[in-house]
Structure formats: structure tokens, C-alpha cells
Protein backbone atom coordinates (compact mmCIF):
# COMPACT_ATOMS: atom_id res chain seq x y z
CA UNK A 1 6.71 1.68 -23.64
CA UNK A 2 7.54 1.65 -19.93
CA UNK A 3 4.66 0.98 -17.56
CA UNK A 4 3.67 3.98 -15.46
CA UNK A 5 3.77 3.66 -11.68
CA UNK A 6 1.34 5.13 -9.22
CA UNK A 7 2.63 5.99 -5.76
CA UNK A 8 0.45 5.84 -2.65
CA UNK A 9 1.72 7.30 0.63
CA UNK A 10 0.14 5.71 3.71
CA UNK A 11 0.22 6.21 7.46
CA UNK A 12 -0.37 2.96 9.34
CA UNK A 13 0.26 1.55 12.83
CA UNK A 14 3.82 0.26 13.09
CA UNK A 15 2.58 -3.16 14.22
CA UNK A 16 0.65 -3.63 10.95
CA UNK A 17 3.42 -2.79 8.45
CA UNK A 18 4.54 -6.42 7.93
CA UNK A 19 0.97 -7.69 7.59
CA UNK A 20 0.13 -5.04 4.99
CA UNK A 21 3.38 -5.72 3.13
CA UNK A 22 2.81 -9.49 3.11
CA UNK A 23 -0.78 -9.04 1.92
CA UNK A 24 0.31 -6.85 -1.00
CA UNK A 25 3.15 -9.26 -1.80
CA UNK A 26 0.69 -12.18 -1.82
CA UNK A 27 -1.27 -10.44 -4.60
CA UNK A 28 1.55 -11.06 -7.07
CA UNK A 29 2.08 -8.20 -9.48
CA UNK A 30 -0.24 -5.71 -7.82
CA UNK A 31 2.59 -3.72 -6.25
CA UNK A 32 5.11 -3.46 -3.47
CA UNK A 33 5.45 -1.65 -0.19
CA UNK A 34 8.46 0.34 0.98
CA UNK A 35 8.79 1.30 4.64
CA UNK A 36 9.87 4.94 4.90
CA UNK A 37 9.74 5.47 8.69
CA UNK A 38 8.63 2.45 10.70
CA UNK A 39 8.33 4.33 14.00
CA UNK A 40 5.95 6.85 12.43
CA UNK A 41 4.17 4.19 10.38
CA UNK A 42 4.98 5.94 7.10
CA UNK A 43 5.03 3.63 4.09
CA UNK A 44 4.86 4.01 0.32
CA UNK A 45 3.10 1.62 -2.02
CA UNK A 46 4.14 1.41 -5.67
CA UNK A 47 1.71 -0.08 -8.17
CA UNK A 48 1.38 -0.11 -11.96
CA UNK A 49 -1.00 2.73 -12.86
CA UNK A 50 -3.34 0.34 -14.63
CA UNK A 51 -3.71 -1.58 -11.33
CA UNK A 52 -4.28 1.48 -9.12
CA UNK A 53 -7.97 0.64 -8.70
CA UNK A 54 -7.09 -2.91 -7.67
CA UNK A 55 -4.53 -1.65 -5.15
CA UNK A 56 -7.01 0.82 -3.68
CA UNK A 57 -9.47 -2.08 -3.42
CA UNK A 58 -6.85 -4.11 -1.56
CA UNK A 59 -6.26 -1.20 0.83
CA UNK A 60 -10.02 -0.87 1.39
CA UNK A 61 -10.19 -4.60 2.09
CA UNK A 62 -7.50 -4.24 4.74
CA UNK A 63 -9.46 -1.35 6.27
CA UNK A 64 -12.56 -3.57 6.29
CA UNK A 65 -10.52 -6.08 8.35
CA UNK A 66 -10.12 -3.35 10.96
CA UNK A 67 -6.67 -2.02 10.09
CA UNK A 68 -6.16 1.69 10.57
CA UNK A 69 -4.82 2.87 7.21
CA UNK A 70 -4.76 6.52 6.21
CA UNK A 71 -4.04 7.47 2.62
CA UNK A 72 -1.83 10.56 2.76
CA UNK A 73 -1.24 11.05 -0.97
CA UNK A 74 -1.77 9.37 -4.33
CA UNK A 75 0.38 10.38 -7.29
């Protein structure tokens, strides 16, 4: 059975895209970030559905650090 993926669309400051990507990458296996439009700060995060709660926790942790992250959509 193939693992299901959850997709999270985010809007973030352009200057923070690399930091967010590196943070997600450092949490091996939790997911990956794709930059859709760097100038607009539009990114998509892909995560296994069973780790969606962990990914949302990671995003909340980044917000707690002071990063401006807006969740646009979760599917």
C-alpha cells in the first residue's frame, strides 16, 4: 500500500524560505518543501499523512521562533 501524502500550501517571507526548507530537511522523513513562487513567498510542503500532526507542530515551532508563516491550504 502506497503511503498517502498531505499537502500544505504556505505563504512565507522570501527571506525565510531556505531556513524553513533546511529545518524541515533536518527532521529527516517528516517531509519536503517545494518553492512555487519565491518572490511571492509561496511554498508547498509535502508530508506523509501519518506525520501531518508532526509537520504542523514543526510549522508552529517555526512560528514560535518569530517566523511569519501563513497556512493557505491543507489537503
